Amino acid sequence: MDLSFDNATSRSARLRRELRNPSMLTIFIIIVVVSTVIFAPFAPGWISTTQNSFQSIAEQKSTQESSMLSLSAIVPAQISPWLATQANTMINAEGPLDWKVVSFRTGPCLGENLAQLPAGKYSESIGATCQELDRIQQRYSGNCFRAATCIVPEVAKEEIEAAMDIVWDAFSDAGFVLPYTEFEQVMP
C-alpha cells in the first residue's frame, strides 16, 4: 500500500481543509488579501493627496516664517505705541497672562530688531525701556503668579510708568507725535 500522495492533490486538499475550518492566521490572510484588492484602486489618490498636504504644510510654514521675518522689521513710529500698550496691559494685569503679555527679550525688543532703528537717542531709549520692562516683569512676576492672587504692586506700576517716560521723552524729541490723552479723544 502506497501512502504517498501527489503534491498537487495534497496542497489542494490542505487548502480545502483550511477553508472549511480556517485558523486565525488563515482568516487574517484572507482579510488582508480582500482588503488589498478592494482598496488598491484608491491608493494612488490617497498617496497624491498626502503628498499635496505635506507640500501645502511646508508652503504654509515657509510663508509663516517669511511673514514673521517681515513682522520683525521695526517701524520707528510704531515701537513706542507698542511698548505703551504692553506697559498698560502689565499695569492693569488681572492674571499671569496679562503680566507676561510679551517677552521684552524677544520680538521687537530683540537686539537684532533694535539695530534696525536709526541710531541715536530714540533707539537707545527703546533699548533701555525694553530692558527695564523685562527687569520689572521678572522682578514682580511672583506677585502675579496665579490669577486669583494677581495684584500688581504700586511700586511696579510706578516703575513701568517711569520706564515709559524715558520713551516718551525720546519720542517727542524724535519728531513723532505722542498718543492722545483721554480728554483729547473725546469728540465735542
C-alpha atoms as a PDB file:
ATOM      1  CA  MET A   1       0.000   0.000   0.000  1.00  0.00           C
ATOM      2  CA  ASP A   2       1.480   3.200  -1.127  1.00  0.00           C
ATOM      3  CA  LEU A   3       0.757   6.182   1.142  1.00  0.00           C
ATOM      4  CA  SER A   4       2.491   8.781  -0.971  1.00  0.00           C
ATOM      5  CA  PHE A   5       0.250  11.491  -2.246  1.00  0.00           C
ATOM      6  CA  ASP A   6       0.636  13.692  -5.189  1.00  0.00           C
ATOM      7  CA  ASN A   7       1.912  17.167  -4.211  1.00  0.00           C
ATOM      8  CA  ALA A   8      -0.806  18.891  -6.198  1.00  0.00           C
ATOM      9  CA  THR A   9      -3.619  16.959  -4.575  1.00  0.00           C
ATOM     10  CA  SER A  10      -2.168  17.345  -1.108  1.00  0.00           C
ATOM     11  CA  ARG A  11      -1.924  21.085  -1.481  1.00  0.00           C
ATOM     12  CA  SER A  12      -5.431  21.382  -2.817  1.00  0.00           C
ATOM     13  CA  ALA A  13      -6.732  19.061  -0.087  1.00  0.00           C
ATOM     14  CA  ARG A  14      -4.962  21.106   2.545  1.00  0.00           C
ATOM     15  CA  LEU A  15      -6.384  24.356   1.091  1.00  0.00           C
ATOM     16  CA  ARG A  16      -9.930  22.924   1.108  1.00  0.00           C
ATOM     17  CA  ARG A  17      -9.464  21.783   4.682  1.00  0.00           C
ATOM     18  CA  GLU A  18      -8.214  25.270   5.733  1.00  0.00           C
ATOM     19  CA  LEU A  19     -11.131  26.985   4.029  1.00  0.00           C
ATOM     20  CA  ARG A  20     -13.697  24.685   5.665  1.00  0.00           C
ATOM     21  CA  ASN A  21     -12.213  25.073   9.142  1.00  0.00           C
ATOM     22  CA  PRO A  22      -9.968  28.179   8.977  1.00  0.00           C
ATOM     23  CA  SER A  23      -7.444  29.096  11.632  1.00  0.00           C
ATOM     24  CA  MET A  24      -6.981  32.675  12.866  1.00  0.00           C
ATOM     25  CA  LEU A  25      -3.946  33.051  10.623  1.00  0.00           C
ATOM     26  CA  THR A  26      -5.967  31.983   7.592  1.00  0.00           C
ATOM     27  CA  ILE A  27      -8.751  34.446   8.422  1.00  0.00           C
ATOM     28  CA  PHE A  28      -6.194  37.240   8.826  1.00  0.00           C
ATOM     29  CA  ILE A  29      -4.549  36.441   5.480  1.00  0.00           C
ATOM     30  CA  ILE A  30      -7.926  36.324   3.710  1.00  0.00           C
ATOM     31  CA  ILE A  31      -8.934  39.712   5.190  1.00  0.00           C
ATOM     32  CA  VAL A  32      -5.615  41.285   4.145  1.00  0.00           C
ATOM     33  CA  VAL A  33      -5.875  39.930   0.590  1.00  0.00           C
ATOM     34  CA  VAL A  34      -9.511  41.010   0.175  1.00  0.00           C
ATOM     35  CA  SER A  35      -8.785  44.468   1.646  1.00  0.00           C
ATOM     36  CA  THR A  36      -5.823  44.895  -0.658  1.00  0.00           C
ATOM     37  CA  VAL A  37      -7.903  44.015  -3.706  1.00  0.00           C
ATOM     38  CA  ILE A  38     -10.732  46.349  -2.661  1.00  0.00           C
ATOM     39  CA  PHE A  39      -8.630  49.358  -1.630  1.00  0.00           C
ATOM     40  CA  ALA A  40      -5.831  49.117  -4.241  1.00  0.00           C
ATOM     41  CA  PRO A  41      -7.614  51.355  -6.798  1.00  0.00           C
ATOM     42  CA  PHE A  42      -7.851  54.153  -4.221  1.00  0.00           C
ATOM     43  CA  ALA A  43      -4.207  54.056  -3.100  1.00  0.00           C
ATOM     44  CA  PRO A  44      -2.753  56.369  -5.793  1.00  0.00           C
ATOM     45  CA  GLY A  45      -5.287  59.067  -4.942  1.00  0.00           C
ATOM     46  CA  TRP A  46      -4.535  58.791  -1.229  1.00  0.00           C
ATOM     47  CA  ILE A  47      -0.807  58.985  -1.855  1.00  0.00           C
ATOM     48  CA  SER A  48      -1.091  62.074  -4.073  1.00  0.00           C
ATOM     49  CA  THR A  49      -3.445  63.753  -1.569  1.00  0.00           C
ATOM     50  CA  THR A  50      -0.993  63.061   1.243  1.00  0.00           C
ATOM     51  CA  GLN A  51       1.918  64.425  -0.780  1.00  0.00           C
ATOM     52  CA  ASN A  52      -0.066  67.565  -1.635  1.00  0.00           C
ATOM     53  CA  SER A  53      -0.947  68.016   2.032  1.00  0.00           C
ATOM     54  CA  PHE A  54       2.688  67.801   3.083  1.00  0.00           C
ATOM     55  CA  GLN A  55       3.667  70.272   0.358  1.00  0.00           C
ATOM     56  CA  SER A  56       0.892  72.614   1.468  1.00  0.00           C
ATOM     57  CA  ILE A  57       2.040  72.403   5.087  1.00  0.00           C
ATOM     58  CA  ALA A  58       5.626  73.130   4.021  1.00  0.00           C
ATOM     59  CA  GLU A  59       4.455  76.138   1.976  1.00  0.00           C
ATOM     60  CA  GLN A  60       2.389  77.450   4.896  1.00  0.00           C
ATOM     61  CA  LYS A  61       5.339  77.066   7.220  1.00  0.00           C
ATOM     62  CA  SER A  62       7.659  78.947   4.877  1.00  0.00           C
ATOM     63  CA  THR A  63       5.004  81.650   4.408  1.00  0.00           C
ATOM     64  CA  GLN A  64       4.632  81.994   8.178  1.00  0.00           C
ATOM     65  CA  GLU A  65       8.392  82.195   8.628  1.00  0.00           C
ATOM     66  CA  SER A  66       8.716  84.851   5.940  1.00  0.00           C
ATOM     67  CA  SER A  67       5.817  86.820   7.438  1.00  0.00           C
ATOM     68  CA  MET A  68       7.428  86.571  10.875  1.00  0.00           C
ATOM     69  CA  LEU A  69      10.625  87.942   9.388  1.00  0.00           C
ATOM     70  CA  SER A  70       8.729  90.831   7.851  1.00  0.00           C
ATOM     71  CA  LEU A  71       6.946  91.459  11.171  1.00  0.00           C
ATOM     72  CA  SER A  72      10.264  91.664  12.934  1.00  0.00           C
ATOM     73  CA  ALA A  73      11.159  94.733  10.872  1.00  0.00           C
ATOM     74  CA  ILE A  74      10.547  97.630  13.203  1.00  0.00           C
ATOM     75  CA  VAL A  75       8.993 100.876  12.101  1.00  0.00           C
ATOM     76  CA  PRO A  76      10.342 103.544  14.482  1.00  0.00           C
ATOM     77  CA  ALA A  77       6.998 105.318  14.860  1.00  0.00           C
ATOM     78  CA  GLN A  78       5.264 102.072  15.877  1.00  0.00           C
ATOM     79  CA  ILE A  79       7.557 100.738  18.590  1.00  0.00           C
ATOM     80  CA  SER A  80       6.628 103.345  21.209  1.00  0.00           C
ATOM     81  CA  PRO A  81       2.866 102.796  20.966  1.00  0.00           C
ATOM     82  CA  TRP A  82       3.500  99.053  21.046  1.00  0.00           C
ATOM     83  CA  LEU A  83       5.565  99.402  24.213  1.00  0.00           C
ATOM     84  CA  ALA A  84       2.882 101.651  25.716  1.00  0.00           C
ATOM     85  CA  THR A  85       0.193  99.068  25.004  1.00  0.00           C
ATOM     86  CA  GLN A  86       2.256  96.301  26.608  1.00  0.00           C
ATOM     87  CA  ALA A  87       3.054  98.506  29.622  1.00  0.00           C
ATOM     88  CA  ASN A  88      -0.622  99.399  30.124  1.00  0.00           C
ATOM     89  CA  THR A  89      -1.543  95.723  29.923  1.00  0.00           C
ATOM     90  CA  MET A  90       1.019  94.987  32.636  1.00  0.00           C
ATOM     91  CA  ILE A  91      -0.201  97.843  34.841  1.00  0.00           C
ATOM     92  CA  ASN A  92      -3.797  96.608  34.600  1.00  0.00           C
ATOM     93  CA  ALA A  93      -2.877  92.906  34.822  1.00  0.00           C
ATOM     94  CA  GLU A  94      -5.514  90.630  36.296  1.00  0.00           C
ATOM     95  CA  GLY A  95      -3.613  87.398  35.770  1.00  0.00           C
ATOM     96  CA  PRO A  96      -0.264  85.931  34.746  1.00  0.00           C
ATOM     97  CA  LEU A  97      -1.149  86.094  31.055  1.00  0.00           C
ATOM     98  CA  ASP A  98      -1.665  89.841  31.318  1.00  0.00           C
ATOM     99  CA  TRP A  99       1.512  90.349  33.341  1.00  0.00           C
ATOM    100  CA  LYS A 100       3.681  88.316  30.972  1.00  0.00           C
ATOM    101  CA  VAL A 101       1.834  89.553  27.895  1.00  0.00           C
ATOM    102  CA  VAL A 102       5.072  89.520  25.887  1.00  0.00           C
ATOM    103  CA  SER A 103       8.735  88.855  26.404  1.00  0.00           C
ATOM    104  CA  PHE A 104      10.777  92.023  26.360  1.00  0.00           C
ATOM    105  CA  ARG A 105      13.833  89.969  25.387  1.00  0.00           C
ATOM    106  CA  THR A 106      12.479  88.813  22.020  1.00  0.00           C
ATOM    107  CA  GLY A 107      10.297  90.246  19.252  1.00  0.00           C
ATOM    108  CA  PRO A 108      10.688  93.978  18.720  1.00  0.00           C
ATOM    109  CA  CYS A 109      12.971  94.194  21.774  1.00  0.00           C
ATOM    110  CA  LEU A 110      15.444  91.669  20.370  1.00  0.00           C
ATOM    111  CA  GLY A 111      18.868  93.232  19.824  1.00  0.00           C
ATOM    112  CA  GLU A 112      18.828  92.423  16.092  1.00  0.00           C
ATOM    113  CA  ASN A 113      15.496  94.171  15.705  1.00  0.00           C
ATOM    114  CA  LEU A 114      16.527  97.198  17.757  1.00  0.00           C
ATOM    115  CA  ALA A 115      19.558  97.534  15.498  1.00  0.00           C
ATOM    116  CA  GLN A 116      17.132  98.397  12.677  1.00  0.00           C
ATOM    117  CA  LEU A 117      16.171 101.630  14.410  1.00  0.00           C
ATOM    118  CA  PRO A 118      18.032 104.776  13.411  1.00  0.00           C
ATOM    119  CA  ALA A 119      20.995 105.337  15.706  1.00  0.00           C
ATOM    120  CA  GLY A 120      20.524 107.970  18.373  1.00  0.00           C
ATOM    121  CA  LYS A 121      18.657 108.909  21.492  1.00  0.00           C
ATOM    122  CA  TYR A 122      15.386 107.313  20.390  1.00  0.00           C
ATOM    123  CA  SER A 123      16.804 103.843  19.708  1.00  0.00           C
ATOM    124  CA  GLU A 124      18.839 103.941  22.925  1.00  0.00           C
ATOM    125  CA  SER A 125      15.747 104.816  24.952  1.00  0.00           C
ATOM    126  CA  ILE A 126      13.760 101.993  23.337  1.00  0.00           C
ATOM    127  CA  GLY A 127      16.524  99.506  24.178  1.00  0.00           C
ATOM    128  CA  ALA A 128      16.771 100.791  27.754  1.00  0.00           C
ATOM    129  CA  THR A 129      12.988 100.646  28.185  1.00  0.00           C
ATOM    130  CA  CYS A 130      12.839  97.089  26.868  1.00  0.00           C
ATOM    131  CA  GLN A 131      15.499  96.062  29.383  1.00  0.00           C
ATOM    132  CA  GLU A 132      13.750  97.932  32.201  1.00  0.00           C
ATOM    133  CA  LEU A 133      10.338  96.434  31.393  1.00  0.00           C
ATOM    134  CA  ASP A 134      11.910  92.975  31.271  1.00  0.00           C
ATOM    135  CA  ARG A 135      13.564  93.571  34.657  1.00  0.00           C
ATOM    136  CA  ILE A 136      10.242  94.774  36.149  1.00  0.00           C
ATOM    137  CA  GLN A 137       8.397  91.842  34.634  1.00  0.00           C
ATOM    138  CA  GLN A 138      10.853  89.358  36.137  1.00  0.00           C
ATOM    139  CA  ARG A 139      11.138  91.100  39.497  1.00  0.00           C
ATOM    140  CA  TYR A 140       7.384  91.290  40.200  1.00  0.00           C
ATOM    141  CA  SER A 141       6.273  88.098  38.448  1.00  0.00           C
ATOM    142  CA  GLY A 142       5.748  86.418  41.827  1.00  0.00           C
ATOM    143  CA  ASN A 143       3.010  88.925  42.635  1.00  0.00           C
ATOM    144  CA  CYS A 144       1.045  87.803  39.596  1.00  0.00           C
ATOM    145  CA  PHE A 145       1.791  84.101  39.569  1.00  0.00           C
ATOM    146  CA  ARG A 146      -1.839  82.996  39.947  1.00  0.00           C
ATOM    147  CA  ALA A 147      -4.900  84.709  38.530  1.00  0.00           C
ATOM    148  CA  ALA A 148      -6.715  84.558  41.867  1.00  0.00           C
ATOM    149  CA  THR A 149      -3.966  86.451  43.678  1.00  0.00           C
ATOM    150  CA  CYS A 150      -2.646  88.735  40.930  1.00  0.00           C
ATOM    151  CA  ILE A 151      -2.110  92.163  42.430  1.00  0.00           C
ATOM    152  CA  VAL A 152       0.359  94.453  40.712  1.00  0.00           C
ATOM    153  CA  PRO A 153       2.138  96.493  43.407  1.00  0.00           C
ATOM    154  CA  GLU A 154       2.016 100.279  43.142  1.00  0.00           C
ATOM    155  CA  VAL A 155       5.830 100.311  43.084  1.00  0.00           C
ATOM    156  CA  ALA A 156       5.783  98.156  39.945  1.00  0.00           C
ATOM    157  CA  LYS A 157       3.212 100.430  38.310  1.00  0.00           C
ATOM    158  CA  GLU A 158       5.366 103.477  39.090  1.00  0.00           C
ATOM    159  CA  GLU A 159       8.465 101.755  37.689  1.00  0.00           C
ATOM    160  CA  ILE A 160       6.607 100.852  34.497  1.00  0.00           C
ATOM    161  CA  GLU A 161       5.416 104.430  34.082  1.00  0.00           C
ATOM    162  CA  ALA A 162       8.948 105.738  34.733  1.00  0.00           C
ATOM    163  CA  ALA A 163      10.308 103.385  32.068  1.00  0.00           C
ATOM    164  CA  MET A 164       7.693 104.597  29.604  1.00  0.00           C
ATOM    165  CA  ASP A 165       8.506 108.251  30.441  1.00  0.00           C
ATOM    166  CA  ILE A 166      12.015 107.617  29.089  1.00  0.00           C
ATOM    167  CA  VAL A 167      10.478 106.519  25.798  1.00  0.00           C
ATOM    168  CA  TRP A 168       8.013 109.407  25.640  1.00  0.00           C
ATOM    169  CA  ASP A 169      10.796 111.936  26.213  1.00  0.00           C
ATOM    170  CA  ALA A 170      12.868 110.464  23.396  1.00  0.00           C
ATOM    171  CA  PHE A 171       9.735 110.008  21.276  1.00  0.00           C
ATOM    172  CA  SER A 172       8.913 113.696  21.477  1.00  0.00           C
ATOM    173  CA  ASP A 173      12.492 114.635  20.552  1.00  0.00           C
ATOM    174  CA  ALA A 174      12.411 112.285  17.566  1.00  0.00           C
ATOM    175  CA  GLY A 175       9.642 114.280  15.930  1.00  0.00           C
ATOM    176  CA  PHE A 176       6.904 111.714  16.408  1.00  0.00           C
ATOM    177  CA  VAL A 177       3.525 112.549  17.875  1.00  0.00           C
ATOM    178  CA  LEU A 178       2.570 111.493  21.400  1.00  0.00           C
ATOM    179  CA  PRO A 179      -0.626 109.458  21.749  1.00  0.00           C
ATOM    180  CA  TYR A 180      -3.823 111.342  22.515  1.00  0.00           C
ATOM    181  CA  THR A 181      -4.933 111.677  26.115  1.00  0.00           C
ATOM    182  CA  GLU A 182      -8.415 110.545  27.061  1.00  0.00           C
ATOM    183  CA  PHE A 183      -9.583 114.174  27.130  1.00  0.00           C
ATOM    184  CA  GLU A 184      -8.297 114.720  23.585  1.00  0.00           C
ATOM    185  CA  GLN A 185     -10.056 111.634  22.306  1.00  0.00           C
ATOM    186  CA  VAL A 186     -13.496 112.877  23.375  1.00  0.00           C
ATOM    187  CA  MET A 187     -15.204 114.480  20.423  1.00  0.00           C
ATOM    188  CA  PRO A 188     -17.335 117.593  21.193  1.00  0.00           C
END
